[in-house]
Amino acid sequence: MTLAVAEPFVAPVDLQQYPSYAMVVPYPVDLATIRARFENQFYRRPAAAQFDARYLASNAEQFNEPHSPIVRRARLVTDLLLSIIRRGEQIPRTGCGIPLLRRRALAGEAATQT
């Protein structure tokens, strides 16, 4: 993502800077990990990608104060990412879309609506 609001979530949390993060957050996830998983067709279903996307906000909420700016940013990025996944759009800057299975499902839905 090229949005400034997403910058804190582009790469894994620096454990040198935040050593307690690994003790507080059991399932760390970031945009680079999600992007790599899309590129490697790791996600078999949209729900799996949505699961990871939701953890961006969940992890921020666990590690930070509930109404802090970083939590608000995490929620915004999560909502945007969930919307992208739900609509089956291309993930920005990767050139990688949703897995073939999801594209086929969307094509089937479109065919039944006409």
PDB file of N, CA and C in Angstrom:
ATOM      1  N   MET A   1       0.843  -1.173   0.000  1.00  0.00           N
ATOM      2  CA  MET A   1       0.000   0.000   0.000  1.00  0.00           C
ATOM      3  C   MET A   1       0.889   1.236   0.000  1.00  0.00           C
ATOM      4  N   THR A   2       0.428   2.249  -0.636  1.00  0.00           N
ATOM      5  CA  THR A   2       1.200   3.482  -0.664  1.00  0.00           C
ATOM      6  C   THR A   2       0.603   4.553   0.237  1.00  0.00           C
ATOM      7  N   LEU A   3      -0.426   4.223   0.983  1.00  0.00           N
ATOM      8  CA  LEU A   3      -1.053   5.171   1.881  1.00  0.00           C
ATOM      9  C   LEU A   3      -0.159   5.417   3.099  1.00  0.00           C
ATOM     10  N   ALA A   4       0.007   6.682   3.471  1.00  0.00           N
ATOM     11  CA  ALA A   4       0.828   7.020   4.635  1.00  0.00           C
ATOM     12  C   ALA A   4       0.272   6.391   5.908  1.00  0.00           C
ATOM     13  N   VAL A   5      -1.043   6.268   5.989  1.00  0.00           N
ATOM     14  CA  VAL A   5      -1.667   5.697   7.174  1.00  0.00           C
ATOM     15  C   VAL A   5      -1.247   4.231   7.367  1.00  0.00           C
ATOM     16  N   ALA A   6      -0.842   3.572   6.304  1.00  0.00           N
ATOM     17  CA  ALA A   6      -0.463   2.155   6.365  1.00  0.00           C
ATOM     18  C   ALA A   6       1.004   1.933   6.703  1.00  0.00           C
ATOM     19  N   GLU A   7       1.803   2.977   6.720  1.00  0.00           N
ATOM     20  CA  GLU A   7       3.250   2.838   6.926  1.00  0.00           C
ATOM     21  C   GLU A   7       3.643   1.979   8.129  1.00  0.00           C
ATOM     22  N   PRO A   8       3.009   2.127   9.295  1.00  0.00           N
ATOM     23  CA  PRO A   8       3.429   1.303  10.435  1.00  0.00           C
ATOM     24  C   PRO A   8       3.178  -0.195  10.248  1.00  0.00           C
ATOM     25  N   PHE A   9       2.405  -0.549   9.247  1.00  0.00           N
ATOM     26  CA  PHE A   9       2.000  -1.940   9.064  1.00  0.00           C
ATOM     27  C   PHE A   9       2.618  -2.586   7.824  1.00  0.00           C
ATOM     28  N   VAL A  10       3.491  -1.873   7.159  1.00  0.00           N
ATOM     29  CA  VAL A  10       4.078  -2.359   5.908  1.00  0.00           C
ATOM     30  C   VAL A  10       5.015  -3.539   6.140  1.00  0.00           C
ATOM     31  N   ALA A  11       5.746  -3.539   7.241  1.00  0.00           N
ATOM     32  CA  ALA A  11       6.729  -4.585   7.537  1.00  0.00           C
ATOM     33  C   ALA A  11       6.478  -5.113   8.949  1.00  0.00           C
ATOM     34  N   PRO A  12       7.066  -6.245   9.271  1.00  0.00           N
ATOM     35  CA  PRO A  12       6.904  -6.777  10.631  1.00  0.00           C
ATOM     36  C   PRO A  12       7.382  -5.770  11.687  1.00  0.00           C
ATOM     37  N   VAL A  13       6.797  -5.865  12.862  1.00  0.00           N
ATOM     38  CA  VAL A  13       7.188  -5.005  13.981  1.00  0.00           C
ATOM     39  C   VAL A  13       8.643  -5.286  14.324  1.00  0.00           C
ATOM     40  N   ASP A  14       9.407  -4.231  14.521  1.00  0.00           N
ATOM     41  CA  ASP A  14      10.824  -4.341  14.880  1.00  0.00           C
ATOM     42  C   ASP A  14      10.936  -4.784  16.337  1.00  0.00           C
ATOM     43  N   LEU A  15      11.353  -6.018  16.544  1.00  0.00           N
ATOM     44  CA  LEU A  15      11.433  -6.562  17.904  1.00  0.00           C
ATOM     45  C   LEU A  15      12.603  -5.978  18.688  1.00  0.00           C
ATOM     46  N   GLN A  16      13.550  -5.362  18.002  1.00  0.00           N
ATOM     47  CA  GLN A  16      14.620  -4.654  18.712  1.00  0.00           C
ATOM     48  C   GLN A  16      14.054  -3.403  19.372  1.00  0.00           C
ATOM     49  N   GLN A  17      13.134  -2.766  18.676  1.00  0.00           N
ATOM     50  CA  GLN A  17      12.519  -1.541  19.185  1.00  0.00           C
ATOM     51  C   GLN A  17      11.395  -1.848  20.174  1.00  0.00           C
ATOM     52  N   TYR A  18      10.655  -2.936  19.935  1.00  0.00           N
ATOM     53  CA  TYR A  18       9.524  -3.316  20.791  1.00  0.00           C
ATOM     54  C   TYR A  18       9.693  -4.777  21.219  1.00  0.00           C
ATOM     55  N   PRO A  19      10.620  -5.059  22.120  1.00  0.00           N
ATOM     56  CA  PRO A  19      10.919  -6.458  22.479  1.00  0.00           C
ATOM     57  C   PRO A  19       9.748  -7.216  23.115  1.00  0.00           C
ATOM     58  N   SER A  20       8.839  -6.533  23.756  1.00  0.00           N
ATOM     59  CA  SER A  20       7.711  -7.227  24.399  1.00  0.00           C
ATOM     60  C   SER A  20       6.604  -7.592  23.418  1.00  0.00           C
ATOM     61  N   TYR A  21       6.689  -7.094  22.189  1.00  0.00           N
ATOM     62  CA  TYR A  21       5.637  -7.341  21.202  1.00  0.00           C
ATOM     63  C   TYR A  21       5.395  -8.841  21.011  1.00  0.00           C
ATOM     64  N   ALA A  22       6.445  -9.607  20.901  1.00  0.00           N
ATOM     65  CA  ALA A  22       6.312 -11.050  20.661  1.00  0.00           C
ATOM     66  C   ALA A  22       5.667 -11.766  21.841  1.00  0.00           C
ATOM     67  N   MET A  23       5.771 -11.204  23.024  1.00  0.00           N
ATOM     68  CA  MET A  23       5.161 -11.812  24.201  1.00  0.00           C
ATOM     69  C   MET A  23       3.672 -11.456  24.315  1.00  0.00           C
ATOM     70  N   VAL A  24       3.291 -10.308  23.771  1.00  0.00           N
ATOM     71  CA  VAL A  24       1.918  -9.819  23.880  1.00  0.00           C
ATOM     72  C   VAL A  24       1.062 -10.287  22.710  1.00  0.00           C
ATOM     73  N   VAL A  25       1.651 -10.331  21.521  1.00  0.00           N
ATOM     74  CA  VAL A  25       0.910 -10.625  20.287  1.00  0.00           C
ATOM     75  C   VAL A  25       1.265 -12.039  19.806  1.00  0.00           C
ATOM     76  N   PRO A  26       0.322 -12.976  19.916  1.00  0.00           N
ATOM     77  CA  PRO A  26       0.623 -14.359  19.544  1.00  0.00           C
ATOM     78  C   PRO A  26       0.654 -14.633  18.037  1.00  0.00           C
ATOM     79  N   TYR A  27      -0.006 -13.793  17.232  1.00  0.00           N
ATOM     80  CA  TYR A  27      -0.081 -14.019  15.791  1.00  0.00           C
ATOM     81  C   TYR A  27       0.256 -12.725  15.060  1.00  0.00           C
ATOM     82  N   PRO A  28       1.539 -12.384  14.994  1.00  0.00           N
ATOM     83  CA  PRO A  28       1.903 -11.144  14.311  1.00  0.00           C
ATOM     84  C   PRO A  28       1.672 -11.246  12.806  1.00  0.00           C
ATOM     85  N   VAL A  29       1.159 -10.169  12.242  1.00  0.00           N
ATOM     86  CA  VAL A  29       0.923 -10.114  10.798  1.00  0.00           C
ATOM     87  C   VAL A  29       1.123  -8.674  10.345  1.00  0.00           C
ATOM     88  N   ASP A  30       1.557  -8.513   9.120  1.00  0.00           N
ATOM     89  CA  ASP A  30       1.799  -7.186   8.544  1.00  0.00           C
ATOM     90  C   ASP A  30       1.454  -7.242   7.062  1.00  0.00           C
ATOM     91  N   LEU A  31       1.462  -6.091   6.421  1.00  0.00           N
ATOM     92  CA  LEU A  31       1.067  -6.031   5.003  1.00  0.00           C
ATOM     93  C   LEU A  31       2.033  -6.779   4.093  1.00  0.00           C
ATOM     94  N   ALA A  32       3.320  -6.779   4.419  1.00  0.00           N
ATOM     95  CA  ALA A  32       4.287  -7.514   3.585  1.00  0.00           C
ATOM     96  C   ALA A  32       3.998  -9.016   3.628  1.00  0.00           C
ATOM     97  N   THR A  33       3.649  -9.509   4.801  1.00  0.00           N
ATOM     98  CA  THR A  33       3.310 -10.928   4.940  1.00  0.00           C
ATOM     99  C   THR A  33       2.044 -11.261   4.162  1.00  0.00           C
ATOM    100  N   ILE A  34       1.040 -10.413   4.296  1.00  0.00           N
ATOM    101  CA  ILE A  34      -0.210 -10.634   3.563  1.00  0.00           C
ATOM    102  C   ILE A  34       0.042 -10.578   2.068  1.00  0.00           C
ATOM    103  N   ARG A  35       0.825  -9.610   1.614  1.00  0.00           N
ATOM    104  CA  ARG A  35       1.142  -9.496   0.187  1.00  0.00           C
ATOM    105  C   ARG A  35       1.863 -10.744  -0.303  1.00  0.00           C
ATOM    106  N   ALA A  36       2.858 -11.216   0.456  1.00  0.00           N
ATOM    107  CA  ALA A  36       3.604 -12.416   0.059  1.00  0.00           C
ATOM    108  C   ALA A  36       2.678 -13.630  -0.008  1.00  0.00           C
ATOM    109  N   ARG A  37       1.749 -13.692   0.917  1.00  0.00           N
ATOM    110  CA  ARG A  37       0.806 -14.816   0.910  1.00  0.00           C
ATOM    111  C   ARG A  37      -0.109 -14.765  -0.305  1.00  0.00           C
ATOM    112  N   PHE A  38      -0.509 -13.573  -0.725  1.00  0.00           N
ATOM    113  CA  PHE A  38      -1.283 -13.458  -1.964  1.00  0.00           C
ATOM    114  C   PHE A  38      -0.428 -13.867  -3.157  1.00  0.00           C
ATOM    115  N   GLU A  39       0.783 -13.380  -3.220  1.00  0.00           N
ATOM    116  CA  GLU A  39       1.665 -13.677  -4.355  1.00  0.00           C
ATOM    117  C   GLU A  39       1.956 -15.166  -4.470  1.00  0.00           C
ATOM    118  N   ASN A  40       2.031 -15.852  -3.329  1.00  0.00           N
ATOM    119  CA  ASN A  40       2.312 -17.287  -3.315  1.00  0.00           C
ATOM    120  C   ASN A  40       1.055 -18.140  -3.287  1.00  0.00           C
ATOM    121  N   GLN A  41      -0.083 -17.499  -3.468  1.00  0.00           N
ATOM    122  CA  GLN A  41      -1.391 -18.165  -3.453  1.00  0.00           C
ATOM    123  C   GLN A  41      -1.580 -19.025  -2.211  1.00  0.00           C
ATOM    124  N   PHE A  42      -1.143 -18.487  -1.089  1.00  0.00           N
ATOM    125  CA  PHE A  42      -1.278 -19.136   0.212  1.00  0.00           C
ATOM    126  C   PHE A  42      -2.739 -19.232   0.624  1.00  0.00           C
ATOM    127  N   TYR A  43      -3.491 -18.175   0.337  1.00  0.00           N
ATOM    128  CA  TYR A  43      -4.900 -18.127   0.737  1.00  0.00           C
ATOM    129  C   TYR A  43      -5.752 -18.916  -0.247  1.00  0.00           C
ATOM    130  N   ARG A  44      -6.439 -19.923   0.261  1.00  0.00           N
ATOM    131  CA  ARG A  44      -7.315 -20.721  -0.592  1.00  0.00           C
ATOM    132  C   ARG A  44      -8.721 -20.138  -0.658  1.00  0.00           C
ATOM    133  N   ARG A  45      -9.060 -19.383   0.373  1.00  0.00           N
ATOM    134  CA  ARG A  45     -10.392 -18.775   0.448  1.00  0.00           C
ATOM    135  C   ARG A  45     -10.243 -17.330   0.898  1.00  0.00           C
ATOM    136  N   PRO A  46     -11.141 -16.473   0.479  1.00  0.00           N
ATOM    137  CA  PRO A  46     -11.106 -15.081   0.933  1.00  0.00           C
ATOM    138  C   PRO A  46     -11.148 -14.967   2.456  1.00  0.00           C
ATOM    139  N   ALA A  47     -11.847 -15.870   3.117  1.00  0.00           N
ATOM    140  CA  ALA A  47     -11.949 -15.816   4.580  1.00  0.00           C
ATOM    141  C   ALA A  47     -10.583 -15.929   5.248  1.00  0.00           C
ATOM    142  N   ALA A  48      -9.666 -16.667   4.652  1.00  0.00           N
ATOM    143  CA  ALA A  48      -8.320 -16.801   5.225  1.00  0.00           C
ATOM    144  C   ALA A  48      -7.566 -15.474   5.150  1.00  0.00           C
ATOM    145  N   ALA A  49      -7.697 -14.771   4.037  1.00  0.00           N
ATOM    146  CA  ALA A  49      -7.067 -13.457   3.895  1.00  0.00           C
ATOM    147  C   ALA A  49      -7.728 -12.450   4.835  1.00  0.00           C
ATOM    148  N   GLN A  50      -9.042 -12.549   4.972  1.00  0.00           N
ATOM    149  CA  GLN A  50      -9.757 -11.656   5.884  1.00  0.00           C
ATOM    150  C   GLN A  50      -9.326 -11.900   7.326  1.00  0.00           C
ATOM    151  N   PHE A  51      -9.057 -13.126   7.677  1.00  0.00           N
ATOM    152  CA  PHE A  51      -8.571 -13.476   9.011  1.00  0.00           C
ATOM    153  C   PHE A  51      -7.275 -12.723   9.307  1.00  0.00           C
ATOM    154  N   ASP A  52      -6.322 -12.782   8.376  1.00  0.00           N
ATOM    155  CA  ASP A  52      -5.055 -12.073   8.564  1.00  0.00           C
ATOM    156  C   ASP A  52      -5.269 -10.563   8.613  1.00  0.00           C
ATOM    157  N   ALA A  53      -6.118 -10.064   7.745  1.00  0.00           N
ATOM    158  CA  ALA A  53      -6.376  -8.619   7.723  1.00  0.00           C
ATOM    159  C   ALA A  53      -6.931  -8.144   9.064  1.00  0.00           C
ATOM    160  N   ARG A  54      -7.815  -8.909   9.635  1.00  0.00           N
ATOM    161  CA  ARG A  54      -8.394  -8.524  10.929  1.00  0.00           C
ATOM    162  C   ARG A  54      -7.349  -8.515  12.043  1.00  0.00           C
ATOM    163  N   TYR A  55      -6.341  -9.352  11.903  1.00  0.00           N
ATOM    164  CA  TYR A  55      -5.301  -9.384  12.927  1.00  0.00           C
ATOM    165  C   TYR A  55      -4.444  -8.126  12.935  1.00  0.00           C
ATOM    166  N   LEU A  56      -4.399  -7.382  11.837  1.00  0.00           N
ATOM    167  CA  LEU A  56      -3.679  -6.095  11.872  1.00  0.00           C
ATOM    168  C   LEU A  56      -4.250  -5.204  12.971  1.00  0.00           C
ATOM    169  N   ALA A  57      -5.560  -5.056  12.990  1.00  0.00           N
ATOM    170  CA  ALA A  57      -6.209  -4.222  14.004  1.00  0.00           C
ATOM    171  C   ALA A  57      -6.171  -4.890  15.371  1.00  0.00           C
ATOM    172  N   SER A  58      -6.427  -6.166  15.413  1.00  0.00           N
ATOM    173  CA  SER A  58      -6.435  -6.883  16.684  1.00  0.00           C
ATOM    174  C   SER A  58      -5.082  -6.785  17.388  1.00  0.00           C
ATOM    175  N   ASN A  59      -4.019  -6.961  16.634  1.00  0.00           N
ATOM    176  CA  ASN A  59      -2.674  -6.874  17.216  1.00  0.00           C
ATOM    177  C   ASN A  59      -2.385  -5.470  17.724  1.00  0.00           C
ATOM    178  N   ALA A  60      -2.772  -4.473  16.964  1.00  0.00           N
ATOM    179  CA  ALA A  60      -2.565  -3.087  17.395  1.00  0.00           C
ATOM    180  C   ALA A  60      -3.347  -2.806  18.674  1.00  0.00           C
ATOM    181  N   GLU A  61      -4.553  -3.323  18.753  1.00  0.00           N
ATOM    182  CA  GLU A  61      -5.378  -3.125  19.948  1.00  0.00           C
ATOM    183  C   GLU A  61      -4.792  -3.828  21.165  1.00  0.00           C
ATOM    184  N   GLN A  62      -4.213  -5.003  20.962  1.00  0.00           N
ATOM    185  CA  GLN A  62      -3.612  -5.746  22.068  1.00  0.00           C
ATOM    186  C   GLN A  62      -2.370  -5.052  22.612  1.00  0.00           C
ATOM    187  N   PHE A  63      -1.567  -4.482  21.722  1.00  0.00           N
ATOM    188  CA  PHE A  63      -0.263  -3.963  22.137  1.00  0.00           C
ATOM    189  C   PHE A  63      -0.303  -2.491  22.545  1.00  0.00           C
ATOM    190  N   ASN A  64      -1.279  -1.750  22.067  1.00  0.00           N
ATOM    191  CA  ASN A  64      -1.326  -0.301  22.289  1.00  0.00           C
ATOM    192  C   ASN A  64      -2.554   0.096  23.094  1.00  0.00           C
ATOM    193  N   GLU A  65      -2.602   1.368  23.454  1.00  0.00           N
ATOM    194  CA  GLU A  65      -3.776   1.910  24.149  1.00  0.00           C
ATOM    195  C   GLU A  65      -4.983   1.839  23.206  1.00  0.00           C
ATOM    196  N   PRO A  66      -6.167   1.539  23.735  1.00  0.00           N
ATOM    197  CA  PRO A  66      -7.346   1.300  22.886  1.00  0.00           C
ATOM    198  C   PRO A  66      -7.687   2.401  21.879  1.00  0.00           C
ATOM    199  N   HIS A  67      -7.567   3.657  22.245  1.00  0.00           N
ATOM    200  CA  HIS A  67      -7.978   4.730  21.339  1.00  0.00           C
ATOM    201  C   HIS A  67      -6.784   5.535  20.827  1.00  0.00           C
ATOM    202  N   SER A  68      -5.629   4.903  20.790  1.00  0.00           N
ATOM    203  CA  SER A  68      -4.426   5.589  20.327  1.00  0.00           C
ATOM    204  C   SER A  68      -4.456   5.764  18.807  1.00  0.00           C
ATOM    205  N   PRO A  69      -3.674   6.702  18.292  1.00  0.00           N
ATOM    206  CA  PRO A  69      -3.629   6.917  16.836  1.00  0.00           C
ATOM    207  C   PRO A  69      -3.233   5.661  16.053  1.00  0.00           C
ATOM    208  N   ILE A  70      -2.326   4.858  16.593  1.00  0.00           N
ATOM    209  CA  ILE A  70      -1.898   3.660  15.868  1.00  0.00           C
ATOM    210  C   ILE A  70      -3.033   2.649  15.751  1.00  0.00           C
ATOM    211  N   VAL A  71      -3.882   2.572  16.771  1.00  0.00           N
ATOM    212  CA  VAL A  71      -5.033   1.672  16.718  1.00  0.00           C
ATOM    213  C   VAL A  71      -6.047   2.172  15.699  1.00  0.00           C
ATOM    214  N   ARG A  72      -6.278   3.466  15.674  1.00  0.00           N
ATOM    215  CA  ARG A  72      -7.205   4.027  14.673  1.00  0.00           C
ATOM    216  C   ARG A  72      -6.682   3.777  13.263  1.00  0.00           C
ATOM    217  N   ARG A  73      -5.375   3.935  13.072  1.00  0.00           N
ATOM    218  CA  ARG A  73      -4.784   3.670  11.762  1.00  0.00           C
ATOM    219  C   ARG A  73      -4.927   2.198  11.388  1.00  0.00           C
ATOM    220  N   ALA A  74      -4.693   1.328  12.353  1.00  0.00           N
ATOM    221  CA  ALA A  74      -4.807  -0.111  12.096  1.00  0.00           C
ATOM    222  C   ALA A  74      -6.228  -0.475  11.682  1.00  0.00           C
ATOM    223  N   ARG A  75      -7.202   0.112  12.348  1.00  0.00           N
ATOM    224  CA  ARG A  75      -8.601  -0.160  11.989  1.00  0.00           C
ATOM    225  C   ARG A  75      -8.920   0.328  10.584  1.00  0.00           C
ATOM    226  N   LEU A  76      -8.413   1.490  10.237  1.00  0.00           N
ATOM    227  CA  LEU A  76      -8.638   2.041   8.901  1.00  0.00           C
ATOM    228  C   LEU A  76      -8.015   1.147   7.829  1.00  0.00           C
ATOM    229  N   VAL A  77      -6.775   0.745   8.045  1.00  0.00           N
ATOM    230  CA  VAL A  77      -6.087  -0.126   7.089  1.00  0.00           C
ATOM    231  C   VAL A  77      -6.800  -1.476   6.990  1.00  0.00           C
ATOM    232  N   THR A  78      -7.226  -2.003   8.127  1.00  0.00           N
ATOM    233  CA  THR A  78      -7.945  -3.273   8.130  1.00  0.00           C
ATOM    234  C   THR A  78      -9.249  -3.167   7.349  1.00  0.00           C
ATOM    235  N   ASP A  79     -10.004  -2.109   7.584  1.00  0.00           N
ATOM    236  CA  ASP A  79     -11.263  -1.918   6.852  1.00  0.00           C
ATOM    237  C   ASP A  79     -11.021  -1.814   5.352  1.00  0.00           C
ATOM    238  N   LEU A  80      -9.994  -1.093   4.966  1.00  0.00           N
ATOM    239  CA  LEU A  80      -9.662  -0.958   3.550  1.00  0.00           C
ATOM    240  C   LEU A  80      -9.268  -2.303   2.955  1.00  0.00           C
ATOM    241  N   LEU A  81      -8.428  -3.020   3.658  1.00  0.00           N
ATOM    242  CA  LEU A  81      -7.981  -4.320   3.168  1.00  0.00           C
ATOM    243  C   LEU A  81      -9.140  -5.316   3.079  1.00  0.00           C
ATOM    244  N   LEU A  82     -10.007  -5.317   4.073  1.00  0.00           N
ATOM    245  CA  LEU A  82     -11.177  -6.200   4.020  1.00  0.00           C
ATOM    246  C   LEU A  82     -12.075  -5.863   2.835  1.00  0.00           C
ATOM    247  N   SER A  83     -12.223  -4.592   2.557  1.00  0.00           N
ATOM    248  CA  SER A  83     -13.024  -4.167   1.413  1.00  0.00           C
ATOM    249  C   SER A  83     -12.405  -4.643   0.100  1.00  0.00           C
ATOM    250  N   ILE A  84     -11.107  -4.515  -0.011  1.00  0.00           N
ATOM    251  CA  ILE A  84     -10.400  -4.969  -1.216  1.00  0.00           C
ATOM    252  C   ILE A  84     -10.569  -6.470  -1.399  1.00  0.00           C
ATOM    253  N   ILE A  85     -10.394  -7.215  -0.315  1.00  0.00           N
ATOM    254  CA  ILE A  85     -10.519  -8.675  -0.386  1.00  0.00           C
ATOM    255  C   ILE A  85     -11.953  -9.065  -0.740  1.00  0.00           C
ATOM    256  N   ARG A  86     -12.909  -8.427  -0.100  1.00  0.00           N
ATOM    257  CA  ARG A  86     -14.325  -8.736  -0.322  1.00  0.00           C
ATOM    258  C   ARG A  86     -14.712  -8.525  -1.776  1.00  0.00           C
ATOM    259  N   ARG A  87     -14.209  -7.444  -2.367  1.00  0.00           N
ATOM    260  CA  ARG A  87     -14.566  -7.135  -3.758  1.00  0.00           C
ATOM    261  C   ARG A  87     -13.688  -7.873  -4.754  1.00  0.00           C
ATOM    262  N   GLY A  88     -12.657  -8.546  -4.285  1.00  0.00           N
ATOM    263  CA  GLY A  88     -11.798  -9.293  -5.180  1.00  0.00           C
ATOM    264  C   GLY A  88     -10.926  -8.425  -6.049  1.00  0.00           C
ATOM    265  N   GLU A  89     -10.549  -7.260  -5.542  1.00  0.00           N
ATOM    266  CA  GLU A  89      -9.716  -6.337  -6.307  1.00  0.00           C
ATOM    267  C   GLU A  89      -8.245  -6.738  -6.242  1.00  0.00           C
ATOM    268  N   GLN A  90      -7.472  -6.114  -7.108  1.00  0.00           N
ATOM    269  CA  GLN A  90      -6.034  -6.275  -7.066  1.00  0.00           C
ATOM    270  C   GLN A  90      -5.500  -5.658  -5.779  1.00  0.00           C
ATOM    271  N   ILE A  91      -4.531  -6.311  -5.171  1.00  0.00           N
ATOM    272  CA  ILE A  91      -3.877  -5.751  -3.994  1.00  0.00           C
ATOM    273  C   ILE A  91      -2.898  -4.697  -4.493  1.00  0.00           C
ATOM    274  N   PRO A  92      -2.976  -3.463  -4.011  1.00  0.00           N
ATOM    275  CA  PRO A  92      -2.120  -2.387  -4.513  1.00  0.00           C
ATOM    276  C   PRO A  92      -0.635  -2.719  -4.447  1.00  0.00           C
ATOM    277  N   ARG A  93       0.083  -2.294  -5.476  1.00  0.00           N
ATOM    278  CA  ARG A  93       1.541  -2.403  -5.612  1.00  0.00           C
ATOM    279  C   ARG A  93       2.057  -3.814  -5.796  1.00  0.00           C
ATOM    280  N   THR A  94       1.215  -4.806  -5.855  1.00  0.00           N
ATOM    281  CA  THR A  94       1.723  -6.154  -6.012  1.00  0.00           C
ATOM    282  C   THR A  94       1.446  -6.709  -7.399  1.00  0.00           C
ATOM    283  N   GLY A  95       0.411  -6.177  -8.058  1.00  0.00           N
ATOM    284  CA  GLY A  95       0.011  -6.762  -9.319  1.00  0.00           C
ATOM    285  C   GLY A  95      -0.636  -8.121  -9.119  1.00  0.00           C
ATOM    286  N   CYS A  96      -0.880  -8.454  -7.880  1.00  0.00           N
ATOM    287  CA  CYS A  96      -1.406  -9.767  -7.545  1.00  0.00           C
ATOM    288  C   CYS A  96      -2.825  -9.617  -7.041  1.00  0.00           C
ATOM    289  N   GLY A  97      -3.700 -10.369  -7.612  1.00  0.00           N
ATOM    290  CA  GLY A  97      -5.084 -10.320  -7.176  1.00  0.00           C
ATOM    291  C   GLY A  97      -5.413 -11.469  -6.260  1.00  0.00           C
ATOM    292  N   ILE A  98      -6.663 -11.755  -6.195  1.00  0.00           N
ATOM    293  CA  ILE A  98      -7.095 -12.861  -5.361  1.00  0.00           C
ATOM    294  C   ILE A  98      -6.785 -14.171  -6.066  1.00  0.00           C
ATOM    295  N   PRO A  99      -6.729 -15.266  -5.332  1.00  0.00           N
ATOM    296  CA  PRO A  99      -6.427 -16.553  -5.948  1.00  0.00           C
ATOM    297  C   PRO A  99      -7.448 -16.936  -7.017  1.00  0.00           C
ATOM    298  N   LEU A 100      -7.034 -17.808  -7.888  1.00  0.00           N
ATOM    299  CA  LEU A 100      -7.855 -18.254  -9.003  1.00  0.00           C
ATOM    300  C   LEU A 100      -9.197 -18.804  -8.530  1.00  0.00           C
ATOM    301  N   LEU A 101      -9.195 -19.520  -7.423  1.00  0.00           N
ATOM    302  CA  LEU A 101     -10.427 -20.093  -6.891  1.00  0.00           C
ATOM    303  C   LEU A 101     -11.471 -19.011  -6.642  1.00  0.00           C
ATOM    304  N   ARG A 102     -11.065 -17.891  -6.049  1.00  0.00           N
ATOM    305  CA  ARG A 102     -11.995 -16.801  -5.754  1.00  0.00           C
ATOM    306  C   ARG A 102     -12.454 -16.136  -7.052  1.00  0.00           C
ATOM    307  N   ARG A 103     -11.547 -15.949  -8.009  1.00  0.00           N
ATOM    308  CA  ARG A 103     -11.927 -15.334  -9.286  1.00  0.00           C
ATOM    309  C   ARG A 103     -12.990 -16.176  -9.980  1.00  0.00           C
ATOM    310  N   ARG A 104     -12.820 -17.482  -9.933  1.00  0.00           N
ATOM    311  CA  ARG A 104     -13.800 -18.376 -10.552  1.00  0.00           C
ATOM    312  C   ARG A 104     -15.148 -18.273  -9.847  1.00  0.00           C
ATOM    313  N   ALA A 105     -15.107 -18.180  -8.535  1.00  0.00           N
ATOM    314  CA  ALA A 105     -16.363 -18.060  -7.772  1.00  0.00           C
ATOM    315  C   ALA A 105     -17.069 -16.764  -8.134  1.00  0.00           C
ATOM    316  N   LEU A 106     -16.325 -15.677  -8.257  1.00  0.00           N
ATOM    317  CA  LEU A 106     -16.910 -14.401  -8.630  1.00  0.00           C
ATOM    318  C   LEU A 106     -17.483 -14.452 -10.044  1.00  0.00           C
ATOM    319  N   ALA A 107     -16.765 -15.120 -10.945  1.00  0.00           N
ATOM    320  CA  ALA A 107     -17.255 -15.241 -12.318  1.00  0.00           C
ATOM    321  C   ALA A 107     -18.548 -16.044 -12.343  1.00  0.00           C
ATOM    322  N   GLY A 108     -18.633 -17.065 -11.505  1.00  0.00           N
ATOM    323  CA  GLY A 108     -19.859 -17.866 -11.417  1.00  0.00           C
ATOM    324  C   GLY A 108     -21.023 -17.058 -10.891  1.00  0.00           C
ATOM    325  N   GLU A 109     -20.779 -16.209  -9.899  1.00  0.00           N
ATOM    326  CA  GLU A 109     -21.832 -15.341  -9.359  1.00  0.00           C
ATOM    327  C   GLU A 109     -22.329 -14.374 -10.422  1.00  0.00           C
ATOM    328  N   ALA A 110     -21.412 -13.814 -11.176  1.00  0.00           N
ATOM    329  CA  ALA A 110     -21.785 -12.854 -12.218  1.00  0.00           C
ATOM    330  C   ALA A 110     -22.608 -13.547 -13.309  1.00  0.00           C
ATOM    331  N   ALA A 111     -22.254 -14.774 -13.624  1.00  0.00           N
ATOM    332  CA  ALA A 111     -22.953 -15.502 -14.676  1.00  0.00           C
ATOM    333  C   ALA A 111     -24.398 -15.832 -14.253  1.00  0.00           C
ATOM    334  N   THR A 112     -24.586 -16.126 -12.948  1.00  0.00           N
ATOM    335  CA  THR A 112     -25.922 -16.474 -12.487  1.00  0.00           C
ATOM    336  C   THR A 112     -26.823 -15.241 -12.329  1.00  0.00           C
ATOM    337  N   GLN A 113     -26.233 -14.061 -12.259  1.00  0.00           N
ATOM    338  CA  GLN A 113     -27.020 -12.839 -12.100  1.00  0.00           C
ATOM    339  C   GLN A 113     -27.529 -12.298 -13.418  1.00  0.00           C
ATOM    340  N   THR A 114     -27.013 -12.768 -14.535  1.00  0.00           N
ATOM    341  CA  THR A 114     -27.452 -12.253 -15.835  1.00  0.00           C
ATOM    342  C   THR A 114     -28.539 -13.075 -16.435  1.00  0.00           C
TER     343      THR A 114
END
